[in-house]
Amino acid sequence: MVMRKGLMAVGVLAAAFAGGFAAELTAGRVAQAQEQPAKTISAQAFVLVDAMGSERGTLSVEEQGAKLVLRDAKGKERVLLGCGSAEGPYWGLFARDAEGRDRYVCGARGDGEGSGMGIWDWNGALRYGLGAARHGCGFILKNEEGAEIIGVGVGPGGGGGDLTLKHPFDGHVVWQASRTPQNPPEEADQLPPP
């Protein structure tokens, strides 16, 4: 009986040793296999989480297209790259403040009909806009109240555009030059003397 217990103990120790040795060999092979990077990883979404498990970023594919979203510590979307417009696909880069308001947007419409960019101030007012579309291109500068101060527009082929300078306080037109059939360039108002 004592002999049987002794043999059983030796057998258990031998099995444990053999199992540990096999595990060590297998772990070494797995570690070596993982050193080779995967050539392709397929997924519909990747989620980045912080140390507390809160979502801080996503790379995903949605109905309108793929997008990357980066969030701050409070979970607010701060940067979006990809497709992101409620009105329809607009591919671009969107940077938002802590309140979720756009501060910088640059991109192109999904249908190819236009592209542009905008910069908003600390109050959420659009201050600078630049765009190009089938019907023309131009840019605007606005004051804090959202009133246009400078506007430049050009129609297809360089015609039909104008340049307008407005007073920053009361918004009246200080100077305007138009390229229209009624006001050809040679008859357009000239800049006033300084």
C-alpha atoms as a PDB file:
ATOM      1  CA  MET A   1       0.000   0.000   0.000  1.00  0.00           C
ATOM      2  CA  VAL A   2       2.792   2.426   0.922  1.00  0.00           C
ATOM      3  CA  MET A   3       4.632   1.360  -2.208  1.00  0.00           C
ATOM      4  CA  ARG A   4       1.524   1.985  -4.338  1.00  0.00           C
ATOM      5  CA  LYS A   5       1.120   5.495  -2.865  1.00  0.00           C
ATOM      6  CA  GLY A   6       4.799   6.199  -3.512  1.00  0.00           C
ATOM      7  CA  LEU A   7       4.534   5.072  -7.129  1.00  0.00           C
ATOM      8  CA  MET A   8       1.377   7.151  -7.570  1.00  0.00           C
ATOM      9  CA  ALA A   9       3.152  10.254  -6.198  1.00  0.00           C
ATOM     10  CA  VAL A  10       6.120   9.674  -8.523  1.00  0.00           C
ATOM     11  CA  GLY A  11       3.683   9.233 -11.444  1.00  0.00           C
ATOM     12  CA  VAL A  12       1.877  12.487 -10.587  1.00  0.00           C
ATOM     13  CA  LEU A  13       5.194  14.369 -10.353  1.00  0.00           C
ATOM     14  CA  ALA A  14       6.373  12.870 -13.658  1.00  0.00           C
ATOM     15  CA  ALA A  15       3.099  13.830 -15.359  1.00  0.00           C
ATOM     16  CA  ALA A  16       3.315  17.369 -13.967  1.00  0.00           C
ATOM     17  CA  PHE A  17       6.899  17.681 -15.162  1.00  0.00           C
ATOM     18  CA  ALA A  18       6.030  16.327 -18.618  1.00  0.00           C
ATOM     19  CA  GLY A  19       3.009  18.625 -18.862  1.00  0.00           C
ATOM     20  CA  GLY A  20       5.060  21.650 -17.855  1.00  0.00           C
ATOM     21  CA  PHE A  21       7.768  20.726 -20.374  1.00  0.00           C
ATOM     22  CA  ALA A  22       5.170  20.303 -23.147  1.00  0.00           C
ATOM     23  CA  ALA A  23       3.539  23.622 -22.230  1.00  0.00           C
ATOM     24  CA  GLU A  24       6.923  25.341 -22.354  1.00  0.00           C
ATOM     25  CA  LEU A  25       7.617  23.918 -25.813  1.00  0.00           C
ATOM     26  CA  THR A  26       4.158  24.873 -27.071  1.00  0.00           C
ATOM     27  CA  ALA A  27       4.411  28.389 -25.611  1.00  0.00           C
ATOM     28  CA  GLY A  28       7.743  28.848 -27.335  1.00  0.00           C
ATOM     29  CA  ARG A  29       6.239  27.804 -30.667  1.00  0.00           C
ATOM     30  CA  VAL A  30       3.211  30.106 -30.177  1.00  0.00           C
ATOM     31  CA  ALA A  31       5.467  33.018 -29.246  1.00  0.00           C
ATOM     32  CA  GLN A  32       7.587  32.370 -32.335  1.00  0.00           C
ATOM     33  CA  ALA A  33       4.478  32.177 -34.529  1.00  0.00           C
ATOM     34  CA  GLN A  34       3.159  35.491 -33.133  1.00  0.00           C
ATOM     35  CA  GLU A  35       6.399  37.280 -33.947  1.00  0.00           C
ATOM     36  CA  GLN A  36       5.380  37.104 -37.620  1.00  0.00           C
ATOM     37  CA  PRO A  37       2.906  39.965 -38.284  1.00  0.00           C
ATOM     38  CA  ALA A  38      -0.436  39.141 -39.829  1.00  0.00           C
ATOM     39  CA  LYS A  39      -0.647  40.206 -43.459  1.00  0.00           C
ATOM     40  CA  THR A  40      -4.406  40.873 -43.362  1.00  0.00           C
ATOM     41  CA  ILE A  41      -6.858  41.520 -40.548  1.00  0.00           C
ATOM     42  CA  SER A  42     -10.531  41.739 -41.509  1.00  0.00           C
ATOM     43  CA  ALA A  43     -13.150  43.356 -39.311  1.00  0.00           C
ATOM     44  CA  GLN A  44     -16.070  45.768 -39.597  1.00  0.00           C
ATOM     45  CA  ALA A  45     -14.872  47.813 -36.625  1.00  0.00           C
ATOM     46  CA  PHE A  46     -11.955  48.346 -34.295  1.00  0.00           C
ATOM     47  CA  VAL A  47     -12.546  50.005 -30.923  1.00  0.00           C
ATOM     48  CA  LEU A  48      -9.832  51.776 -28.896  1.00  0.00           C
ATOM     49  CA  VAL A  49     -10.387  51.885 -25.138  1.00  0.00           C
ATOM     50  CA  ASP A  50      -8.506  53.617 -22.348  1.00  0.00           C
ATOM     51  CA  ALA A  51      -7.209  52.002 -19.139  1.00  0.00           C
ATOM     52  CA  MET A  52     -10.704  52.214 -17.610  1.00  0.00           C
ATOM     53  CA  GLY A  53     -12.351  50.502 -20.599  1.00  0.00           C
ATOM     54  CA  SER A  54     -14.009  53.676 -21.928  1.00  0.00           C
ATOM     55  CA  GLU A  55     -14.250  53.984 -25.699  1.00  0.00           C
ATOM     56  CA  ARG A  56     -11.770  56.574 -26.993  1.00  0.00           C
ATOM     57  CA  GLY A  57     -11.729  55.807 -30.698  1.00  0.00           C
ATOM     58  CA  THR A  58     -13.277  53.697 -33.428  1.00  0.00           C
ATOM     59  CA  LEU A  59     -12.394  52.689 -36.927  1.00  0.00           C
ATOM     60  CA  SER A  60     -15.556  51.401 -38.542  1.00  0.00           C
ATOM     61  CA  VAL A  61     -17.415  50.761 -41.755  1.00  0.00           C
ATOM     62  CA  GLU A  62     -20.959  52.118 -41.936  1.00  0.00           C
ATOM     63  CA  GLU A  63     -23.596  52.370 -44.651  1.00  0.00           C
ATOM     64  CA  GLN A  64     -22.182  55.563 -46.196  1.00  0.00           C
ATOM     65  CA  GLY A  65     -18.514  54.604 -45.806  1.00  0.00           C
ATOM     66  CA  ALA A  66     -15.587  54.067 -43.482  1.00  0.00           C
ATOM     67  CA  LYS A  67     -14.615  56.495 -40.739  1.00  0.00           C
ATOM     68  CA  LEU A  68     -12.190  57.027 -37.904  1.00  0.00           C
ATOM     69  CA  VAL A  69     -13.527  58.760 -34.779  1.00  0.00           C
ATOM     70  CA  LEU A  70     -11.348  59.938 -31.874  1.00  0.00           C
ATOM     71  CA  ARG A  71     -13.003  60.898 -28.566  1.00  0.00           C
ATOM     72  CA  ASP A  72     -11.813  62.890 -25.563  1.00  0.00           C
ATOM     73  CA  ALA A  73     -11.865  61.679 -21.943  1.00  0.00           C
ATOM     74  CA  LYS A  74     -15.552  62.674 -21.649  1.00  0.00           C
ATOM     75  CA  GLY A  75     -16.542  60.619 -24.689  1.00  0.00           C
ATOM     76  CA  LYS A  76     -17.124  63.600 -27.021  1.00  0.00           C
ATOM     77  CA  GLU A  77     -16.195  63.166 -30.684  1.00  0.00           C
ATOM     78  CA  ARG A  78     -13.221  65.480 -31.270  1.00  0.00           C
ATOM     79  CA  VAL A  79     -11.811  64.285 -34.611  1.00  0.00           C
ATOM     80  CA  LEU A  80     -13.627  62.480 -37.403  1.00  0.00           C
ATOM     81  CA  LEU A  81     -11.940  61.359 -40.596  1.00  0.00           C
ATOM     82  CA  GLY A  82     -13.998  59.768 -43.321  1.00  0.00           C
ATOM     83  CA  CYS A  83     -17.670  59.978 -44.134  1.00  0.00           C
ATOM     84  CA  GLY A  84     -19.617  62.153 -41.736  1.00  0.00           C
ATOM     85  CA  SER A  85     -22.625  64.237 -42.641  1.00  0.00           C
ATOM     86  CA  ALA A  86     -26.289  63.896 -41.758  1.00  0.00           C
ATOM     87  CA  GLU A  87     -27.301  65.548 -45.073  1.00  0.00           C
ATOM     88  CA  GLY A  88     -25.454  62.982 -47.190  1.00  0.00           C
ATOM     89  CA  PRO A  89     -21.960  61.644 -47.600  1.00  0.00           C
ATOM     90  CA  TYR A  90     -19.316  64.309 -47.197  1.00  0.00           C
ATOM     91  CA  TRP A  91     -15.817  62.892 -47.057  1.00  0.00           C
ATOM     92  CA  GLY A  92     -13.374  64.881 -45.024  1.00  0.00           C
ATOM     93  CA  LEU A  93     -11.696  65.822 -41.808  1.00  0.00           C
ATOM     94  CA  PHE A  94     -13.833  67.249 -39.009  1.00  0.00           C
ATOM     95  CA  ALA A  95     -12.335  68.727 -35.806  1.00  0.00           C
ATOM     96  CA  ARG A  96     -14.749  69.561 -32.978  1.00  0.00           C
ATOM     97  CA  ASP A  97     -14.485  71.392 -29.657  1.00  0.00           C
ATOM     98  CA  ALA A  98     -15.410  70.027 -26.226  1.00  0.00           C
ATOM     99  CA  GLU A  99     -19.053  71.059 -26.815  1.00  0.00           C
ATOM    100  CA  GLY A 100     -19.249  68.980 -30.002  1.00  0.00           C
ATOM    101  CA  ARG A 101     -19.328  72.014 -32.323  1.00  0.00           C
ATOM    102  CA  ASP A 102     -17.390  71.926 -35.589  1.00  0.00           C
ATOM    103  CA  ARG A 103     -14.262  74.081 -35.433  1.00  0.00           C
ATOM    104  CA  TYR A 104     -12.564  72.947 -38.641  1.00  0.00           C
ATOM    105  CA  VAL A 105     -14.047  71.027 -41.567  1.00  0.00           C
ATOM    106  CA  CYS A 106     -12.327  70.212 -44.828  1.00  0.00           C
ATOM    107  CA  GLY A 107     -13.599  67.782 -47.397  1.00  0.00           C
ATOM    108  CA  ALA A 108     -15.546  66.921 -50.502  1.00  0.00           C
ATOM    109  CA  ARG A 109     -19.138  65.954 -51.195  1.00  0.00           C
ATOM    110  CA  GLY A 110     -19.637  62.279 -51.874  1.00  0.00           C
ATOM    111  CA  ASP A 111     -21.354  62.998 -55.195  1.00  0.00           C
ATOM    112  CA  GLY A 112     -18.333  64.978 -56.444  1.00  0.00           C
ATOM    113  CA  GLU A 113     -20.371  68.187 -56.823  1.00  0.00           C
ATOM    114  CA  GLY A 114     -18.245  70.308 -54.516  1.00  0.00           C
ATOM    115  CA  SER A 115     -15.508  70.622 -51.956  1.00  0.00           C
ATOM    116  CA  GLY A 116     -14.602  73.144 -49.340  1.00  0.00           C
ATOM    117  CA  MET A 117     -13.457  74.030 -45.886  1.00  0.00           C
ATOM    118  CA  GLY A 118     -14.674  76.091 -42.969  1.00  0.00           C
ATOM    119  CA  ILE A 119     -13.187  77.459 -39.763  1.00  0.00           C
ATOM    120  CA  TRP A 120     -15.404  78.339 -36.785  1.00  0.00           C
ATOM    121  CA  ASP A 121     -14.427  80.523 -33.809  1.00  0.00           C
ATOM    122  CA  TRP A 122     -14.631  79.919 -30.053  1.00  0.00           C
ATOM    123  CA  ASN A 123     -18.338  80.875 -30.078  1.00  0.00           C
ATOM    124  CA  GLY A 124     -19.247  78.438 -32.834  1.00  0.00           C
ATOM    125  CA  ALA A 125     -19.612  81.125 -35.538  1.00  0.00           C
ATOM    126  CA  LEU A 126     -18.304  80.386 -39.038  1.00  0.00           C
ATOM    127  CA  ARG A 127     -15.472  82.871 -39.642  1.00  0.00           C
ATOM    128  CA  TYR A 128     -13.824  81.587 -42.822  1.00  0.00           C
ATOM    129  CA  GLY A 129     -15.209  79.558 -45.703  1.00  0.00           C
ATOM    130  CA  LEU A 130     -13.674  78.365 -48.933  1.00  0.00           C
ATOM    131  CA  GLY A 131     -15.425  76.276 -51.547  1.00  0.00           C
ATOM    132  CA  ALA A 132     -15.583  75.098 -55.110  1.00  0.00           C
ATOM    133  CA  ALA A 133     -18.577  73.587 -56.863  1.00  0.00           C
ATOM    134  CA  ARG A 134     -20.024  73.152 -60.343  1.00  0.00           C
ATOM    135  CA  HIS A 135     -21.654  76.620 -60.216  1.00  0.00           C
ATOM    136  CA  GLY A 136     -18.520  78.480 -59.059  1.00  0.00           C
ATOM    137  CA  CYS A 137     -15.989  78.949 -56.301  1.00  0.00           C
ATOM    138  CA  GLY A 138     -15.212  81.525 -53.683  1.00  0.00           C
ATOM    139  CA  PHE A 139     -14.347  82.387 -50.128  1.00  0.00           C
ATOM    140  CA  ILE A 140     -15.823  84.446 -47.320  1.00  0.00           C
ATOM    141  CA  LEU A 141     -14.547  86.050 -44.128  1.00  0.00           C
ATOM    142  CA  LYS A 142     -17.103  86.817 -41.401  1.00  0.00           C
ATOM    143  CA  ASN A 143     -17.085  88.759 -38.142  1.00  0.00           C
ATOM    144  CA  GLU A 144     -18.065  87.408 -34.694  1.00  0.00           C
ATOM    145  CA  GLU A 145     -21.767  88.044 -35.367  1.00  0.00           C
ATOM    146  CA  GLY A 146     -21.621  85.986 -38.568  1.00  0.00           C
ATOM    147  CA  ALA A 147     -21.866  88.971 -40.925  1.00  0.00           C
ATOM    148  CA  GLU A 148     -19.839  88.669 -44.124  1.00  0.00           C
ATOM    149  CA  ILE A 149     -16.940  91.148 -44.239  1.00  0.00           C
ATOM    150  CA  ILE A 150     -15.135  89.945 -47.361  1.00  0.00           C
ATOM    151  CA  GLY A 151     -16.621  87.797 -50.078  1.00  0.00           C
ATOM    152  CA  VAL A 152     -15.041  86.704 -53.333  1.00  0.00           C
ATOM    153  CA  GLY A 153     -16.834  84.608 -55.917  1.00  0.00           C
ATOM    154  CA  VAL A 154     -16.010  83.383 -59.387  1.00  0.00           C
ATOM    155  CA  GLY A 155     -18.330  81.557 -61.744  1.00  0.00           C
ATOM    156  CA  PRO A 156     -17.442  78.745 -64.151  1.00  0.00           C
ATOM    157  CA  GLY A 157     -14.626  79.686 -66.506  1.00  0.00           C
ATOM    158  CA  GLY A 158     -13.643  82.684 -64.385  1.00  0.00           C
ATOM    159  CA  GLY A 159     -16.653  84.868 -65.213  1.00  0.00           C
ATOM    160  CA  GLY A 160     -19.611  86.094 -63.205  1.00  0.00           C
ATOM    161  CA  GLY A 161     -17.618  86.715 -60.035  1.00  0.00           C
ATOM    162  CA  ASP A 162     -17.333  89.634 -57.676  1.00  0.00           C
ATOM    163  CA  LEU A 163     -15.259  90.943 -54.825  1.00  0.00           C
ATOM    164  CA  THR A 164     -17.012  92.658 -51.952  1.00  0.00           C
ATOM    165  CA  LEU A 165     -15.467  94.424 -48.961  1.00  0.00           C
ATOM    166  CA  LYS A 166     -17.834  95.322 -46.131  1.00  0.00           C
ATOM    167  CA  HIS A 167     -17.391  97.481 -43.055  1.00  0.00           C
ATOM    168  CA  PRO A 168     -16.640  95.216 -40.043  1.00  0.00           C
ATOM    169  CA  PHE A 169     -19.028  97.028 -37.689  1.00  0.00           C
ATOM    170  CA  ASP A 170     -22.129  98.027 -39.614  1.00  0.00           C
ATOM    171  CA  GLY A 171     -21.796  95.744 -42.667  1.00  0.00           C
ATOM    172  CA  HIS A 172     -22.215  98.409 -45.357  1.00  0.00           C
ATOM    173  CA  VAL A 173     -20.401  97.799 -48.645  1.00  0.00           C
ATOM    174  CA  VAL A 174     -17.116  99.722 -48.636  1.00  0.00           C
ATOM    175  CA  TRP A 175     -16.011  98.554 -52.059  1.00  0.00           C
ATOM    176  CA  GLN A 176     -17.287  96.131 -54.679  1.00  0.00           C
ATOM    177  CA  ALA A 177     -16.050  95.015 -58.072  1.00  0.00           C
ATOM    178  CA  SER A 178     -18.201  92.778 -60.242  1.00  0.00           C
ATOM    179  CA  ARG A 179     -17.550  90.925 -63.447  1.00  0.00           C
ATOM    180  CA  THR A 180     -20.981  90.788 -64.976  1.00  0.00           C
ATOM    181  CA  PRO A 181     -22.339  91.735 -68.429  1.00  0.00           C
ATOM    182  CA  GLN A 182     -23.822  94.867 -66.818  1.00  0.00           C
ATOM    183  CA  ASN A 183     -20.488  95.772 -65.220  1.00  0.00           C
ATOM    184  CA  PRO A 184     -17.533  94.487 -67.303  1.00  0.00           C
ATOM    185  CA  PRO A 185     -14.056  94.568 -65.714  1.00  0.00           C
ATOM    186  CA  GLU A 186     -13.002  97.776 -67.509  1.00  0.00           C
ATOM    187  CA  GLU A 187     -16.048  99.595 -66.037  1.00  0.00           C
ATOM    188  CA  ALA A 188     -15.936  98.041 -62.559  1.00  0.00           C
ATOM    189  CA  ASP A 189     -15.431 100.311 -59.587  1.00  0.00           C
ATOM    190  CA  GLN A 190     -11.803 100.890 -58.784  1.00  0.00           C
ATOM    191  CA  LEU A 191     -10.318 100.607 -55.315  1.00  0.00           C
ATOM    192  CA  PRO A 192     -10.633 103.900 -53.458  1.00  0.00           C
ATOM    193  CA  PRO A 193      -7.395 105.734 -52.722  1.00  0.00           C
ATOM    194  CA  PRO A 194      -5.807 104.913 -49.336  1.00  0.00           C
END
